[in-house]
Amino acid sequence: MSESTTLKGHFLLSMPHMQDPFFAQSLTYICEHDSEGAMGIIINRPLDFDLPALFRHLDLEADPAVSPTPVYAGGPVAMERGFILHPSGDEAGHWTSTLELGDGVSLTSSMDILEAMAHNRGPQKVLVALGYAGWSAGQLEDEITRNTWLSCPANLDIMFSTPAENRLQAAAALLGIDLSLLTAHSGHA
């Protein structure tokens, strides 16, 4: 797979006919995509708990002023593992396990970032997710060929600043598409 065909750093927008309950109406940020497969984080599925609740669950003592930032269902794989998407910056080098994804985004999966966040010393903008979405070699390309997904370059404002319920349509607008006008039936001409 060439660098020009990778979807790393792109959004995947589920098409209206998507039937899979985990991916229907989802917007996924693709963290990795190569000849071995793809990995992404769903960024518009907030769970019924927030960061303070996560800190309590992990027995992390937290500053009472910690923002009630939502925690997201990042995908159906390894839902017991946490992943933090955040803008890249000087603090990115301070975490034990940070992967620079490019285009100003980093992915951290170590406990030290959560400990810092519990004391308001973590990145200013974060998206905390449990689990991830994964595709085997060629699977994502096949799904795109079957009109399951649209893709576009990711946008940090959509990922970190747009309310979760508006992210999918905001990403579609980058493509000049109103998803509500698309049919829920797929097919090929």
Protein backbone atom coordinates (compact mmCIF):
# COMPACT_ATOMS: atom_id res chain seq x y z
CA MET A 1 0.00 0.00 0.00
CA SER A 2 1.44 3.34 -0.97
CA GLU A 3 1.45 6.42 1.26
CA SER A 4 -1.05 8.04 -1.12
CA THR A 5 -3.65 5.28 -0.61
CA THR A 6 -3.55 5.14 3.18
CA LEU A 7 -6.51 6.46 5.13
CA LYS A 8 -4.37 7.23 8.18
CA GLY A 9 -5.39 10.64 9.48
CA HIS A 10 -8.80 10.45 7.79
CA PHE A 11 -12.35 10.21 9.04
CA LEU A 12 -14.54 7.25 8.08
CA LEU A 13 -18.19 8.18 7.85
CA SER A 14 -20.68 5.34 7.99
CA MET A 15 -23.17 5.35 5.16
CA PRO A 16 -26.88 5.55 6.09
CA HIS A 17 -27.49 1.89 5.13
CA MET A 18 -24.93 0.62 7.70
CA GLN A 19 -26.68 -2.10 9.71
CA ASP A 20 -23.96 -2.98 12.24
CA PRO A 21 -25.22 -1.52 15.54
CA PHE A 22 -21.73 -0.57 16.66
CA PHE A 23 -20.88 1.32 13.47
CA ALA A 24 -24.24 2.69 12.30
CA GLN A 25 -24.16 6.52 12.37
CA SER A 26 -20.48 6.43 13.41
CA LEU A 27 -17.56 8.71 12.69
CA THR A 28 -14.18 7.01 13.08
CA TYR A 29 -10.73 8.58 13.15
CA ILE A 30 -8.23 6.27 11.41
CA CYS A 31 -5.03 6.06 13.49
CA GLU A 32 -3.20 3.46 11.39
CA HIS A 33 -3.76 2.01 7.92
CA ASP A 34 -1.30 -0.08 5.97
CA SER A 35 -1.05 -3.38 4.10
CA GLU A 36 -1.65 -5.30 7.35
CA GLY A 37 -4.98 -3.60 8.15
CA ALA A 38 -6.38 -0.54 9.89
CA MET A 39 -7.08 0.74 13.39
CA GLY A 40 -9.35 3.61 14.35
CA ILE A 41 -11.25 5.23 17.20
CA ILE A 42 -14.98 6.01 16.93
CA ILE A 43 -15.27 9.64 18.02
CA ASN A 44 -19.01 10.24 18.23
CA ARG A 45 -20.28 7.56 20.66
CA PRO A 46 -20.18 9.03 24.20
CA LEU A 47 -20.77 6.46 26.94
CA ASP A 48 -22.92 7.05 30.00
CA PHE A 49 -19.96 8.12 32.11
CA ASP A 50 -17.33 10.83 32.12
CA LEU A 51 -13.71 11.36 33.17
CA PRO A 52 -14.41 11.78 36.91
CA ALA A 53 -16.33 8.48 36.86
CA LEU A 54 -13.47 6.81 34.98
CA PHE A 55 -10.98 8.14 37.54
CA ARG A 56 -13.13 6.73 40.38
CA HIS A 57 -13.33 3.37 38.58
CA LEU A 58 -9.52 3.33 38.28
CA ASP A 59 -9.09 4.42 41.93
CA LEU A 60 -7.31 7.57 40.78
CA GLU A 61 -7.62 10.46 43.18
CA ALA A 62 -8.71 13.43 41.07
CA ASP A 63 -8.94 17.16 41.47
CA PRO A 64 -12.61 18.03 42.16
CA ALA A 65 -12.42 20.64 39.37
CA VAL A 66 -11.74 18.03 36.65
CA SER A 67 -14.04 18.68 33.71
CA PRO A 68 -16.83 16.12 33.19
CA THR A 69 -15.47 15.30 29.72
CA PRO A 70 -17.33 12.33 28.20
CA VAL A 71 -15.66 8.97 27.66
CA TYR A 72 -16.37 7.39 24.26
CA ALA A 73 -16.97 3.87 22.97
CA GLY A 74 -13.98 3.77 20.65
CA GLY A 75 -14.86 0.47 19.02
CA PRO A 76 -15.72 -3.15 19.69
CA VAL A 77 -12.12 -4.40 20.10
CA ALA A 78 -10.36 -4.40 23.51
CA MET A 79 -13.09 -2.37 25.21
CA GLU A 80 -11.26 -2.74 28.53
CA ARG A 81 -8.34 -0.66 27.16
CA GLY A 82 -8.25 3.11 27.12
CA PHE A 83 -7.00 5.31 24.31
CA ILE A 84 -6.53 9.07 24.47
CA LEU A 85 -6.48 11.11 21.26
CA HIS A 86 -5.01 14.58 21.77
CA PRO A 87 -3.32 17.29 19.74
CA SER A 88 0.43 16.78 19.45
CA GLY A 89 2.53 19.21 21.41
CA ASP A 90 5.34 19.59 23.89
CA GLU A 91 3.55 17.41 26.44
CA ALA A 92 3.35 14.46 24.02
CA GLY A 93 6.92 13.44 24.81
CA HIS A 94 6.16 13.17 28.53
CA TRP A 95 3.84 10.17 28.32
CA THR A 96 5.13 6.61 28.50
CA SER A 97 3.21 5.33 25.48
CA THR A 98 2.45 7.99 22.86
CA LEU A 99 2.26 7.43 19.14
CA GLU A 100 2.55 10.51 16.95
CA LEU A 101 -0.07 9.92 14.25
CA GLY A 102 0.79 12.95 12.13
CA ASP A 103 -1.28 15.98 11.17
CA GLY A 104 -1.06 17.27 14.74
CA VAL A 105 -2.68 14.26 16.46
CA SER A 106 -1.21 11.85 19.01
CA LEU A 107 -2.58 8.66 20.56
CA THR A 108 -1.58 7.80 24.12
CA SER A 109 -2.50 4.59 25.92
CA SER A 110 -0.46 4.75 29.14
CA MET A 111 -1.79 5.38 32.65
CA ASP A 112 0.49 8.37 33.22
CA ILE A 113 -1.59 10.62 30.96
CA LEU A 114 -4.73 9.74 32.94
CA GLU A 115 -2.91 10.47 36.21
CA ALA A 116 -1.91 13.89 34.84
CA MET A 117 -5.44 14.54 33.56
CA ALA A 118 -6.84 13.69 37.01
CA HIS A 119 -4.86 16.68 38.31
CA ASN A 120 -5.59 18.99 35.36
CA ARG A 121 -2.03 18.62 34.00
CA GLY A 122 -2.83 16.67 30.84
CA PRO A 123 -3.46 17.93 27.32
CA GLN A 124 -6.05 20.70 27.07
CA LYS A 125 -8.05 18.90 24.36
CA VAL A 126 -8.61 15.16 24.63
CA LEU A 127 -10.88 12.43 23.39
CA VAL A 128 -10.84 9.47 25.77
CA ALA A 129 -12.14 6.19 24.35
CA LEU A 130 -12.51 2.63 25.53
CA GLY A 131 -11.80 0.12 22.79
CA TYR A 132 -10.99 0.58 19.15
CA ALA A 133 -12.15 -0.43 15.68
CA GLY A 134 -9.93 -2.80 13.73
CA TRP A 135 -9.84 -4.14 10.19
CA SER A 136 -7.72 -6.99 8.84
CA ALA A 137 -5.64 -6.67 5.67
CA GLY A 138 -7.87 -5.59 2.78
CA GLN A 139 -11.08 -5.58 4.87
CA LEU A 140 -11.49 -1.80 5.03
CA GLU A 141 -10.77 -1.41 1.32
CA ASP A 142 -13.42 -4.06 0.58
CA GLU A 143 -15.98 -2.29 2.79
CA ILE A 144 -15.30 1.02 1.03
CA THR A 145 -15.74 -0.68 -2.36
CA ARG A 146 -19.13 -1.94 -1.13
CA ASN A 147 -20.18 1.65 -0.29
CA THR A 148 -20.15 1.08 3.46
CA TRP A 149 -17.98 4.12 4.22
CA LEU A 150 -17.11 7.57 2.96
CA SER A 151 -13.77 9.08 3.89
CA CYS A 152 -12.25 12.53 4.13
CA PRO A 153 -9.19 14.08 5.75
CA ALA A 154 -9.72 14.49 9.50
CA ASN A 155 -10.39 17.88 11.01
CA LEU A 156 -9.16 18.65 14.55
CA ASP A 157 -11.98 21.12 15.26
CA ILE A 158 -14.55 18.43 14.51
CA MET A 159 -12.67 15.86 16.60
CA PHE A 160 -12.01 18.01 19.67
CA SER A 161 -14.44 20.95 19.61
CA THR A 162 -17.67 19.93 17.83
CA PRO A 163 -20.36 18.34 20.03
CA ALA A 164 -20.41 14.55 19.56
CA GLU A 165 -23.94 14.51 18.13
CA ASN A 166 -22.89 16.93 15.36
CA ARG A 167 -19.55 15.37 14.35
CA LEU A 168 -20.80 12.95 11.69
CA GLN A 169 -22.75 15.61 9.79
CA ALA A 170 -19.90 18.13 10.22
CA ALA A 171 -17.50 15.62 8.62
CA ALA A 172 -19.99 14.99 5.80
CA ALA A 173 -20.18 18.74 5.23
CA LEU A 174 -16.42 18.69 4.53
CA LEU A 175 -17.35 16.52 1.53
CA GLY A 176 -20.26 18.80 0.59
CA ILE A 177 -22.76 16.09 1.61
CA ASP A 178 -25.90 16.22 3.73
CA LEU A 179 -26.21 12.66 5.06
CA SER A 180 -29.92 13.10 5.68
CA LEU A 181 -30.40 13.36 1.90
CA LEU A 182 -28.69 10.03 1.17
CA THR A 183 -30.78 6.90 0.82
CA ALA A 184 -30.47 4.07 3.31
CA HIS A 185 -30.21 1.58 0.41
CA SER A 186 -26.92 0.67 -1.20
CA GLY A 187 -26.18 -0.45 -4.69
CA HIS A 188 -24.01 0.03 -7.73
CA ALA A 189 -24.93 1.71 -10.96
